[in-house]
Structure formats: C-alpha cells, structure tokens
PDB file of N, CA and C in Angstrom:
ATOM      1  N   MET A   1      37.215 -84.979 -13.789  1.00  0.00           N
ATOM      2  CA  MET A   1      37.250 -83.561 -13.514  1.00  0.00           C
ATOM      3  C   MET A   1      35.862 -82.926 -13.586  1.00  0.00           C
ATOM      4  N   PHE A   2      34.935 -83.643 -14.183  1.00  0.00           N
ATOM      5  CA  PHE A   2      33.575 -83.151 -14.314  1.00  0.00           C
ATOM      6  C   PHE A   2      32.947 -82.881 -12.945  1.00  0.00           C
ATOM      7  N   ILE A   3      33.167 -83.803 -12.005  1.00  0.00           N
ATOM      8  CA  ILE A   3      32.589 -83.662 -10.665  1.00  0.00           C
ATOM      9  C   ILE A   3      33.211 -82.477  -9.936  1.00  0.00           C
ATOM     10  N   LEU A   4      34.521 -82.314 -10.055  1.00  0.00           N
ATOM     11  CA  LEU A   4      35.191 -81.191  -9.400  1.00  0.00           C
ATOM     12  C   LEU A   4      34.726 -79.856  -9.985  1.00  0.00           C
ATOM     13  N   GLY A   5      34.526 -79.802 -11.282  1.00  0.00           N
ATOM     14  CA  GLY A   5      34.022 -78.584 -11.920  1.00  0.00           C
ATOM     15  C   GLY A   5      32.632 -78.227 -11.422  1.00  0.00           C
ATOM     16  N   ASN A   6      31.748 -79.225 -11.338  1.00  0.00           N
ATOM     17  CA  ASN A   6      30.405 -78.974 -10.806  1.00  0.00           C
ATOM     18  C   ASN A   6      30.447 -78.568  -9.337  1.00  0.00           C
ATOM     19  N   PHE A   7      31.342 -79.201  -8.572  1.00  0.00           N
ATOM     20  CA  PHE A   7      31.473 -78.851  -7.164  1.00  0.00           C
ATOM     21  C   PHE A   7      31.912 -77.392  -7.008  1.00  0.00           C
ATOM     22  N   LEU A   8      32.892 -76.969  -7.782  1.00  0.00           N
ATOM     23  CA  LEU A   8      33.372 -75.585  -7.688  1.00  0.00           C
ATOM     24  C   LEU A   8      32.301 -74.585  -8.113  1.00  0.00           C
ATOM     25  N   MET A   9      31.527 -74.926  -9.118  1.00  0.00           N
ATOM     26  CA  MET A   9      30.452 -74.025  -9.540  1.00  0.00           C
ATOM     27  C   MET A   9      29.354 -73.954  -8.474  1.00  0.00           C
ATOM     28  N   ALA A  10      29.031 -75.070  -7.850  1.00  0.00           N
ATOM     29  CA  ALA A  10      28.039 -75.061  -6.770  1.00  0.00           C
ATOM     30  C   ALA A  10      28.558 -74.283  -5.566  1.00  0.00           C
ATOM     31  N   LEU A  11      29.842 -74.444  -5.259  1.00  0.00           N
ATOM     32  CA  LEU A  11      30.450 -73.696  -4.159  1.00  0.00           C
ATOM     33  C   LEU A  11      30.431 -72.198  -4.443  1.00  0.00           C
ATOM     34  N   ALA A  12      30.702 -71.823  -5.681  1.00  0.00           N
ATOM     35  CA  ALA A  12      30.660 -70.408  -6.065  1.00  0.00           C
ATOM     36  C   ALA A  12      29.255 -69.851  -5.904  1.00  0.00           C
ATOM     37  N   ASN A  13      28.246 -70.611  -6.298  1.00  0.00           N
ATOM     38  CA  ASN A  13      26.863 -70.161  -6.131  1.00  0.00           C
ATOM     39  C   ASN A  13      26.494 -70.024  -4.656  1.00  0.00           C
ATOM     40  N   LEU A  14      26.954 -70.947  -3.832  1.00  0.00           N
ATOM     41  CA  LEU A  14      26.676 -70.890  -2.402  1.00  0.00           C
ATOM     42  C   LEU A  14      27.347 -69.671  -1.764  1.00  0.00           C
ATOM     43  N   ILE A  15      28.590 -69.422  -2.117  1.00  0.00           N
ATOM     44  CA  ILE A  15      29.303 -68.250  -1.590  1.00  0.00           C
ATOM     45  C   ILE A  15      28.608 -66.972  -2.033  1.00  0.00           C
ATOM     46  N   HIS A  16      28.170 -66.926  -3.285  1.00  0.00           N
ATOM     47  CA  HIS A  16      27.444 -65.754  -3.790  1.00  0.00           C
ATOM     48  C   HIS A  16      26.163 -65.524  -2.983  1.00  0.00           C
ATOM     49  N   LEU A  17      25.435 -66.585  -2.706  1.00  0.00           N
ATOM     50  CA  LEU A  17      24.193 -66.475  -1.941  1.00  0.00           C
ATOM     51  C   LEU A  17      24.458 -65.994  -0.517  1.00  0.00           C
ATOM     52  N   VAL A  18      25.460 -66.556   0.139  1.00  0.00           N
ATOM     53  CA  VAL A  18      25.769 -66.180   1.524  1.00  0.00           C
ATOM     54  C   VAL A  18      26.234 -64.725   1.605  1.00  0.00           C
ATOM     55  N   LEU A  19      27.116 -64.324   0.704  1.00  0.00           N
ATOM     56  CA  LEU A  19      27.590 -62.940   0.731  1.00  0.00           C
ATOM     57  C   LEU A  19      26.478 -61.956   0.397  1.00  0.00           C
ATOM     58  N   SER A  20      25.593 -62.314  -0.530  1.00  0.00           N
ATOM     59  CA  SER A  20      24.457 -61.442  -0.855  1.00  0.00           C
ATOM     60  C   SER A  20      23.531 -61.285   0.355  1.00  0.00           C
ATOM     61  N   ALA A  21      23.266 -62.379   1.045  1.00  0.00           N
ATOM     62  CA  ALA A  21      22.415 -62.316   2.233  1.00  0.00           C
ATOM     63  C   ALA A  21      23.062 -61.453   3.315  1.00  0.00           C
ATOM     64  N   TYR A  22      24.378 -61.591   3.492  1.00  0.00           N
ATOM     65  CA  TYR A  22      25.064 -60.801   4.515  1.00  0.00           C
ATOM     66  C   TYR A  22      25.078 -59.320   4.158  1.00  0.00           C
ATOM     67  N   ILE A  23      25.169 -59.005   2.870  1.00  0.00           N
ATOM     68  CA  ILE A  23      25.087 -57.604   2.454  1.00  0.00           C
ATOM     69  C   ILE A  23      23.745 -57.027   2.865  1.00  0.00           C
ATOM     70  N   TRP A  24      22.672 -57.776   2.674  1.00  0.00           N
ATOM     71  CA  TRP A  24      21.344 -57.292   3.066  1.00  0.00           C
ATOM     72  C   TRP A  24      21.208 -57.175   4.576  1.00  0.00           C
ATOM     73  N   ILE A  25      21.875 -58.028   5.316  1.00  0.00           N
ATOM     74  CA  ILE A  25      21.881 -57.922   6.776  1.00  0.00           C
ATOM     75  C   ILE A  25      22.577 -56.633   7.198  1.00  0.00           C
ATOM     76  N   VAL A  26      23.694 -56.305   6.557  1.00  0.00           N
ATOM     77  CA  VAL A  26      24.407 -55.055   6.860  1.00  0.00           C
ATOM     78  C   VAL A  26      23.542 -53.853   6.501  1.00  0.00           C
ATOM     79  N   VAL A  27      22.853 -53.913   5.375  1.00  0.00           N
ATOM     80  CA  VAL A  27      21.950 -52.817   4.988  1.00  0.00           C
ATOM     81  C   VAL A  27      20.841 -52.666   6.034  1.00  0.00           C
ATOM     82  N   GLY A  28      20.270 -53.760   6.481  1.00  0.00           N
ATOM     83  CA  GLY A  28      19.242 -53.698   7.520  1.00  0.00           C
ATOM     84  C   GLY A  28      19.770 -53.103   8.805  1.00  0.00           C
ATOM     85  N   ARG A  29      20.995 -53.463   9.164  1.00  0.00           N
ATOM     86  CA  ARG A  29      21.618 -52.901  10.370  1.00  0.00           C
ATOM     87  C   ARG A  29      21.816 -51.398  10.221  1.00  0.00           C
ATOM     88  N   ALA A  30      22.240 -50.962   9.046  1.00  0.00           N
ATOM     89  CA  ALA A  30      22.435 -49.530   8.828  1.00  0.00           C
ATOM     90  C   ALA A  30      21.107 -48.782   8.919  1.00  0.00           C
ATOM     91  N   ILE A  31      20.052 -49.373   8.395  1.00  0.00           N
ATOM     92  CA  ILE A  31      18.742 -48.712   8.428  1.00  0.00           C
ATOM     93  C   ILE A  31      18.224 -48.609   9.865  1.00  0.00           C
ATOM     94  N   ILE A  32      18.379 -49.672  10.661  1.00  0.00           N
ATOM     95  CA  ILE A  32      17.873 -49.579  12.035  1.00  0.00           C
ATOM     96  C   ILE A  32      18.721 -48.642  12.890  1.00  0.00           C
ATOM     97  N   SER A  33      19.941 -48.357  12.460  1.00  0.00           N
ATOM     98  CA  SER A  33      20.760 -47.422  13.235  1.00  0.00           C
ATOM     99  C   SER A  33      20.272 -45.983  13.080  1.00  0.00           C
ATOM    100  N   TRP A  34      19.441 -45.702  12.098  1.00  0.00           N
ATOM    101  CA  TRP A  34      18.910 -44.353  11.898  1.00  0.00           C
ATOM    102  C   TRP A  34      17.782 -44.037  12.864  1.00  0.00           C
ATOM    103  N   VAL A  35      17.162 -45.062  13.439  1.00  0.00           N
ATOM    104  CA  VAL A  35      16.065 -44.866  14.375  1.00  0.00           C
ATOM    105  C   VAL A  35      16.504 -45.381  15.740  1.00  0.00           C
ATOM    106  N   ASN A  36      15.670 -45.264  16.704  1.00  0.00           N
ATOM    107  CA  ASN A  36      15.969 -45.771  18.036  1.00  0.00           C
ATOM    108  C   ASN A  36      15.231 -47.096  18.208  1.00  0.00           C
ATOM    109  N   PRO A  37      15.855 -48.222  17.798  1.00  0.00           N
ATOM    110  CA  PRO A  37      15.134 -49.498  17.856  1.00  0.00           C
ATOM    111  C   PRO A  37      15.070 -50.048  19.271  1.00  0.00           C
ATOM    112  N   ASP A  38      14.117 -50.922  19.480  1.00  0.00           N
ATOM    113  CA  ASP A  38      13.987 -51.612  20.755  1.00  0.00           C
ATOM    114  C   ASP A  38      15.113 -52.633  20.865  1.00  0.00           C
ATOM    115  N   PRO A  39      16.025 -52.483  21.828  1.00  0.00           N
ATOM    116  CA  PRO A  39      17.163 -53.413  21.909  1.00  0.00           C
ATOM    117  C   PRO A  39      16.770 -54.836  22.286  1.00  0.00           C
ATOM    118  N   TYR A  40      15.529 -55.036  22.727  1.00  0.00           N
ATOM    119  CA  TYR A  40      15.079 -56.377  23.105  1.00  0.00           C
ATOM    120  C   TYR A  40      14.343 -57.092  21.973  1.00  0.00           C
ATOM    121  N   ASN A  41      14.166 -56.410  20.864  1.00  0.00           N
ATOM    122  CA  ASN A  41      13.525 -57.024  19.702  1.00  0.00           C
ATOM    123  C   ASN A  41      14.472 -58.088  19.141  1.00  0.00           C
ATOM    124  N   PRO A  42      13.989 -59.312  18.904  1.00  0.00           N
ATOM    125  CA  PRO A  42      14.892 -60.369  18.421  1.00  0.00           C
ATOM    126  C   PRO A  42      15.511 -60.074  17.062  1.00  0.00           C
ATOM    127  N   ILE A  43      14.803 -59.375  16.203  1.00  0.00           N
ATOM    128  CA  ILE A  43      15.368 -59.048  14.886  1.00  0.00           C
ATOM    129  C   ILE A  43      16.507 -58.048  15.040  1.00  0.00           C
ATOM    130  N   VAL A  44      16.301 -57.057  15.881  1.00  0.00           N
ATOM    131  CA  VAL A  44      17.336 -56.055  16.124  1.00  0.00           C
ATOM    132  C   VAL A  44      18.559 -56.712  16.764  1.00  0.00           C
ATOM    133  N   ARG A  45      18.322 -57.589  17.719  1.00  0.00           N
ATOM    134  CA  ARG A  45      19.444 -58.280  18.370  1.00  0.00           C
ATOM    135  C   ARG A  45      20.211 -59.148  17.379  1.00  0.00           C
ATOM    136  N   PHE A  46      19.490 -59.823  16.478  1.00  0.00           N
ATOM    137  CA  PHE A  46      20.164 -60.635  15.466  1.00  0.00           C
ATOM    138  C   PHE A  46      21.022 -59.764  14.548  1.00  0.00           C
ATOM    139  N   LEU A  47      20.461 -58.656  14.069  1.00  0.00           N
ATOM    140  CA  LEU A  47      21.211 -57.782  13.171  1.00  0.00           C
ATOM    141  C   LEU A  47      22.462 -57.239  13.844  1.00  0.00           C
ATOM    142  N   ILE A  48      22.342 -56.865  15.102  1.00  0.00           N
ATOM    143  CA  ILE A  48      23.499 -56.324  15.823  1.00  0.00           C
ATOM    144  C   ILE A  48      24.546 -57.411  16.044  1.00  0.00           C
ATOM    145  N   GLN A  49      24.126 -58.594  16.475  1.00  0.00           N
ATOM    146  CA  GLN A  49      25.079 -59.671  16.746  1.00  0.00           C
ATOM    147  C   GLN A  49      25.738 -60.187  15.468  1.00  0.00           C
ATOM    148  N   ALA A  50      25.014 -60.133  14.359  1.00  0.00           N
ATOM    149  CA  ALA A  50      25.563 -60.648  13.102  1.00  0.00           C
ATOM    150  C   ALA A  50      26.556 -59.682  12.460  1.00  0.00           C
ATOM    151  N   THR A  51      26.402 -58.389  12.726  1.00  0.00           N
ATOM    152  CA  THR A  51      27.243 -57.413  12.026  1.00  0.00           C
ATOM    153  C   THR A  51      28.308 -56.769  12.899  1.00  0.00           C
ATOM    154  N   ASP A  52      28.115 -56.726  14.210  1.00  0.00           N
ATOM    155  CA  ASP A  52      29.058 -56.017  15.071  1.00  0.00           C
ATOM    156  C   ASP A  52      30.499 -56.522  15.016  1.00  0.00           C
ATOM    157  N   PRO A  53      30.758 -57.827  14.937  1.00  0.00           N
ATOM    158  CA  PRO A  53      32.169 -58.241  14.900  1.00  0.00           C
ATOM    159  C   PRO A  53      32.954 -57.611  13.749  1.00  0.00           C
ATOM    160  N   LEU A  54      32.401 -57.591  12.561  1.00  0.00           N
ATOM    161  CA  LEU A  54      33.119 -56.998  11.424  1.00  0.00           C
ATOM    162  C   LEU A  54      33.093 -55.475  11.463  1.00  0.00           C
ATOM    163  N   LEU A  55      31.964 -54.900  11.850  1.00  0.00           N
ATOM    164  CA  LEU A  55      31.874 -53.444  11.898  1.00  0.00           C
ATOM    165  C   LEU A  55      32.821 -52.862  12.954  1.00  0.00           C
ATOM    166  N   GLU A  56      32.978 -53.542  14.080  1.00  0.00           N
ATOM    167  CA  GLU A  56      33.885 -53.054  15.124  1.00  0.00           C
ATOM    168  C   GLU A  56      35.334 -53.081  14.650  1.00  0.00           C
ATOM    169  N   LYS A  57      35.706 -54.088  13.871  1.00  0.00           N
ATOM    170  CA  LYS A  57      37.074 -54.128  13.338  1.00  0.00           C
ATOM    171  C   LYS A  57      37.324 -52.954  12.397  1.00  0.00           C
ATOM    172  N   ILE A  58      36.327 -52.607  11.600  1.00  0.00           N
ATOM    173  CA  ILE A  58      36.472 -51.477  10.683  1.00  0.00           C
ATOM    174  C   ILE A  58      36.504 -50.173  11.469  1.00  0.00           C
ATOM    175  N   ARG A  59      35.678 -50.068  12.510  1.00  0.00           N
ATOM    176  CA  ARG A  59      35.629 -48.842  13.318  1.00  0.00           C
ATOM    177  C   ARG A  59      36.925 -48.587  14.070  1.00  0.00           C
ATOM    178  N   ARG A  60      37.717 -49.622  14.316  1.00  0.00           N
ATOM    179  CA  ARG A  60      39.021 -49.409  14.952  1.00  0.00           C
ATOM    180  C   ARG A  60      39.931 -48.563  14.074  1.00  0.00           C
ATOM    181  N   TYR A  61      39.832 -48.763  12.767  1.00  0.00           N
ATOM    182  CA  TYR A  61      40.698 -48.035  11.836  1.00  0.00           C
ATOM    183  C   TYR A  61      40.059 -46.753  11.326  1.00  0.00           C
ATOM    184  N   ILE A  62      38.738 -46.756  11.178  1.00  0.00           N
ATOM    185  CA  ILE A  62      38.017 -45.573  10.698  1.00  0.00           C
ATOM    186  C   ILE A  62      36.872 -45.303  11.681  1.00  0.00           C
ATOM    187  N   PRO A  63      37.143 -44.508  12.713  1.00  0.00           N
ATOM    188  CA  PRO A  63      36.085 -44.248  13.697  1.00  0.00           C
ATOM    189  C   PRO A  63      34.999 -43.335  13.120  1.00  0.00           C
ATOM    190  N   PRO A  64      33.801 -43.382  13.695  1.00  0.00           N
ATOM    191  CA  PRO A  64      32.730 -42.482  13.240  1.00  0.00           C
ATOM    192  C   PRO A  64      33.150 -41.023  13.406  1.00  0.00           C
ATOM    193  N   MET A  65      32.872 -40.228  12.390  1.00  0.00           N
ATOM    194  CA  MET A  65      33.266 -38.816  12.418  1.00  0.00           C
ATOM    195  C   MET A  65      32.013 -37.948  12.427  1.00  0.00           C
ATOM    196  N   GLY A  66      31.820 -37.179  13.475  1.00  0.00           N
ATOM    197  CA  GLY A  66      30.692 -36.260  13.540  1.00  0.00           C
ATOM    198  C   GLY A  66      29.341 -36.939  13.416  1.00  0.00           C
ATOM    199  N   GLY A  67      29.201 -38.123  13.961  1.00  0.00           N
ATOM    200  CA  GLY A  67      27.939 -38.830  13.884  1.00  0.00           C
ATOM    201  C   GLY A  67      27.747 -39.623  12.603  1.00  0.00           C
ATOM    202  N   LEU A  68      28.722 -39.584  11.710  1.00  0.00           N
ATOM    203  CA  LEU A  68      28.631 -40.315  10.444  1.00  0.00           C
ATOM    204  C   LEU A  68      29.517 -41.556  10.520  1.00  0.00           C
ATOM    205  N   ASP A  69      28.884 -42.713  10.500  1.00  0.00           N
ATOM    206  CA  ASP A  69      29.598 -43.985  10.577  1.00  0.00           C
ATOM    207  C   ASP A  69      29.706 -44.577   9.179  1.00  0.00           C
ATOM    208  N   LEU A  70      30.921 -44.635   8.671  1.00  0.00           N
ATOM    209  CA  LEU A  70      31.148 -45.153   7.322  1.00  0.00           C
ATOM    210  C   LEU A  70      31.431 -46.654   7.298  1.00  0.00           C
ATOM    211  N   SER A  71      31.474 -47.283   8.460  1.00  0.00           N
ATOM    212  CA  SER A  71      31.845 -48.699   8.500  1.00  0.00           C
ATOM    213  C   SER A  71      30.883 -49.608   7.733  1.00  0.00           C
ATOM    214  N   PRO A  72      29.555 -49.394   7.740  1.00  0.00           N
ATOM    215  CA  PRO A  72      28.701 -50.274   6.925  1.00  0.00           C
ATOM    216  C   PRO A  72      28.978 -50.141   5.426  1.00  0.00           C
ATOM    217  N   ILE A  73      29.262 -48.936   4.969  1.00  0.00           N
ATOM    218  CA  ILE A  73      29.546 -48.739   3.542  1.00  0.00           C
ATOM    219  C   ILE A  73      30.850 -49.437   3.166  1.00  0.00           C
ATOM    220  N   ILE A  74      31.854 -49.305   4.013  1.00  0.00           N
ATOM    221  CA  ILE A  74      33.142 -49.956   3.746  1.00  0.00           C
ATOM    222  C   ILE A  74      32.982 -51.474   3.758  1.00  0.00           C
ATOM    223  N   LEU A  75      32.195 -51.979   4.707  1.00  0.00           N
ATOM    224  CA  LEU A  75      31.965 -53.426   4.768  1.00  0.00           C
ATOM    225  C   LEU A  75      31.230 -53.917   3.529  1.00  0.00           C
ATOM    226  N   ILE A  76      30.232 -53.170   3.080  1.00  0.00           N
ATOM    227  CA  ILE A  76      29.505 -53.569   1.870  1.00  0.00           C
ATOM    228  C   ILE A  76      30.432 -53.565   0.660  1.00  0.00           C
ATOM    229  N   PHE A  77      31.281 -52.546   0.522  1.00  0.00           N
ATOM    230  CA  PHE A  77      32.242 -52.523  -0.589  1.00  0.00           C
ATOM    231  C   PHE A  77      33.180 -53.719  -0.522  1.00  0.00           C
ATOM    232  N   ALA A  78      33.647 -54.053   0.675  1.00  0.00           N
ATOM    233  CA  ALA A  78      34.545 -55.202   0.826  1.00  0.00           C
ATOM    234  C   ALA A  78      33.834 -56.505   0.467  1.00  0.00           C
ATOM    235  N   LEU A  79      32.579 -56.635   0.881  1.00  0.00           N
ATOM    236  CA  LEU A  79      31.828 -57.851   0.559  1.00  0.00           C
ATOM    237  C   LEU A  79      31.556 -57.968  -0.938  1.00  0.00           C
ATOM    238  N   VAL A  80      31.243 -56.856  -1.583  1.00  0.00           N
ATOM    239  CA  VAL A  80      31.017 -56.877  -3.033  1.00  0.00           C
ATOM    240  C   VAL A  80      32.307 -57.236  -3.760  1.00  0.00           C
ATOM    241  N   PHE A  81      33.436 -56.700  -3.278  1.00  0.00           N
ATOM    242  CA  PHE A  81      34.727 -57.047  -3.887  1.00  0.00           C
ATOM    243  C   PHE A  81      35.005 -58.539  -3.733  1.00  0.00           C
ATOM    244  N   LEU A  82      34.825 -59.057  -2.526  1.00  0.00           N
ATOM    245  CA  LEU A  82      35.046 -60.490  -2.299  1.00  0.00           C
ATOM    246  C   LEU A  82      34.105 -61.335  -3.149  1.00  0.00           C
ATOM    247  N   GLN A  83      32.866 -60.884  -3.236  1.00  0.00           N
ATOM    248  CA  GLN A  83      31.883 -61.605  -4.035  1.00  0.00           C
ATOM    249  C   GLN A  83      32.315 -61.656  -5.494  1.00  0.00           C
ATOM    250  N   SER A  84      32.729 -60.545  -6.025  1.00  0.00           N
ATOM    251  CA  SER A  84      33.157 -60.503  -7.429  1.00  0.00           C
ATOM    252  C   SER A  84      34.413 -61.334  -7.641  1.00  0.00           C
ATOM    253  N   PHE A  85      35.372 -61.201  -6.757  1.00  0.00           N
ATOM    254  CA  PHE A  85      36.657 -61.868  -6.931  1.00  0.00           C
ATOM    255  C   PHE A  85      36.532 -63.380  -6.746  1.00  0.00           C
ATOM    256  N   ILE A  86      35.999 -63.806  -5.617  1.00  0.00           N
ATOM    257  CA  ILE A  86      35.960 -65.238  -5.304  1.00  0.00           C
ATOM    258  C   ILE A  86      34.985 -65.979  -6.216  1.00  0.00           C
ATOM    259  N   VAL A  87      33.777 -65.451  -6.344  1.00  0.00           N
ATOM    260  CA  VAL A  87      32.752 -66.157  -7.119  1.00  0.00           C
ATOM    261  C   VAL A  87      33.155 -66.253  -8.585  1.00  0.00           C
ATOM    262  N   ASN A  88      33.630 -65.168  -9.164  1.00  0.00           N
ATOM    263  CA  ASN A  88      34.022 -65.214 -10.576  1.00  0.00           C
ATOM    264  C   ASN A  88      35.184 -66.165 -10.811  1.00  0.00           C
ATOM    265  N   ASN A  89      36.177 -66.156  -9.923  1.00  0.00           N
ATOM    266  CA  ASN A  89      37.310 -67.067 -10.097  1.00  0.00           C
ATOM    267  C   ASN A  89      36.891 -68.523  -9.951  1.00  0.00           C
ATOM    268  N   LEU A  90      36.050 -68.832  -8.973  1.00  0.00           N
ATOM    269  CA  LEU A  90      35.595 -70.215  -8.821  1.00  0.00           C
ATOM    270  C   LEU A  90      34.751 -70.655 -10.006  1.00  0.00           C
ATOM    271  N   MET A  91      33.920 -69.761 -10.514  1.00  0.00           N
ATOM    272  CA  MET A  91      33.104 -70.099 -11.694  1.00  0.00           C
ATOM    273  C   MET A  91      33.999 -70.369 -12.911  1.00  0.00           C
ATOM    274  N   ASP A  92      35.006 -69.530 -13.112  1.00  0.00           N
ATOM    275  CA  ASP A  92      35.919 -69.731 -14.241  1.00  0.00           C
ATOM    276  C   ASP A  92      36.660 -71.060 -14.124  1.00  0.00           C
ATOM    277  N   ILE A  93      37.161 -71.357 -12.949  1.00  0.00           N
ATOM    278  CA  ILE A  93      37.874 -72.626 -12.755  1.00  0.00           C
ATOM    279  C   ILE A  93      36.916 -73.798 -12.965  1.00  0.00           C
ATOM    280  N   GLY A  94      35.694 -73.678 -12.439  1.00  0.00           N
ATOM    281  CA  GLY A  94      34.710 -74.751 -12.609  1.00  0.00           C
ATOM    282  C   GLY A  94      34.358 -74.984 -14.060  1.00  0.00           C
ATOM    283  N   ARG A  95      34.193 -73.900 -14.833  1.00  0.00           N
ATOM    284  CA  ARG A  95      33.869 -74.040 -16.279  1.00  0.00           C
ATOM    285  C   ARG A  95      35.011 -74.700 -17.034  1.00  0.00           C
ATOM    286  N   ARG A  96      36.230 -74.382 -16.668  1.00  0.00           N
ATOM    287  CA  ARG A  96      37.386 -74.970 -17.374  1.00  0.00           C
ATOM    288  C   ARG A  96      37.515 -76.463 -17.094  1.00  0.00           C
ATOM    289  N   LEU A  97      37.045 -76.866 -15.908  1.00  0.00           N
ATOM    290  CA  LEU A  97      37.136 -78.281 -15.572  1.00  0.00           C
ATOM    291  C   LEU A  97      36.003 -79.110 -16.162  1.00  0.00           C
ATOM    292  N   LEU A  98      34.972 -78.467 -16.669  1.00  0.00           N
ATOM    293  CA  LEU A  98      33.844 -79.227 -17.246  1.00  0.00           C
ATOM    294  C   LEU A  98      34.179 -79.795 -18.588  1.00  0.00           C
TER     295      LEU A  98
END
C-alpha cells in the first residue's frame, strides 16, 4: 500500500499544480479583456483558446450584465473548490495508505 499512497499523493500534487496554473491563465484572460489586445498575438490567442470552452459554458447560464462578465470569477471559484476538495481528499487517502 506504500506505493499506492505515494502515487495518490503525487497525483494530488500534480492536480494542485495544474489547477493553480489554470487559475492564473483565467486571471490573465480576465486582465487582457480589460484592454483591446491584438487578436493575432500568440499569447492572447492561447489565453482565449484555453479559457473560452469553460467560460462559454458559464456564460450560457449567467450572461454578461451591463458589460460586467462574472464568468471568470465563477470559474475561479469553481476551480478553487475543486482544488480544495480533490487535492485534500487525495492527500488524506494517500497519507492513510502510507
């Protein structure tokens, strides 16, 4: 069970890293939406392509109101919740198996 415990703890760390990086990508996307970015810039294109699938799903249920788009904030809250829930549970299970 030692190997499975270490595997789960490593998986929890990897999930934490990926979700943290994606949160920063969403923050970057929100910041570039405040200005008029060059749509041909590769960084801008990456941020848009990486975040639009999830943001569009949220916008279907909560459309922008009066120029205020709450979808990045909702996505960040959802990612933080998933990060706390999944990572903590995997870490706890991994520690118990050690």
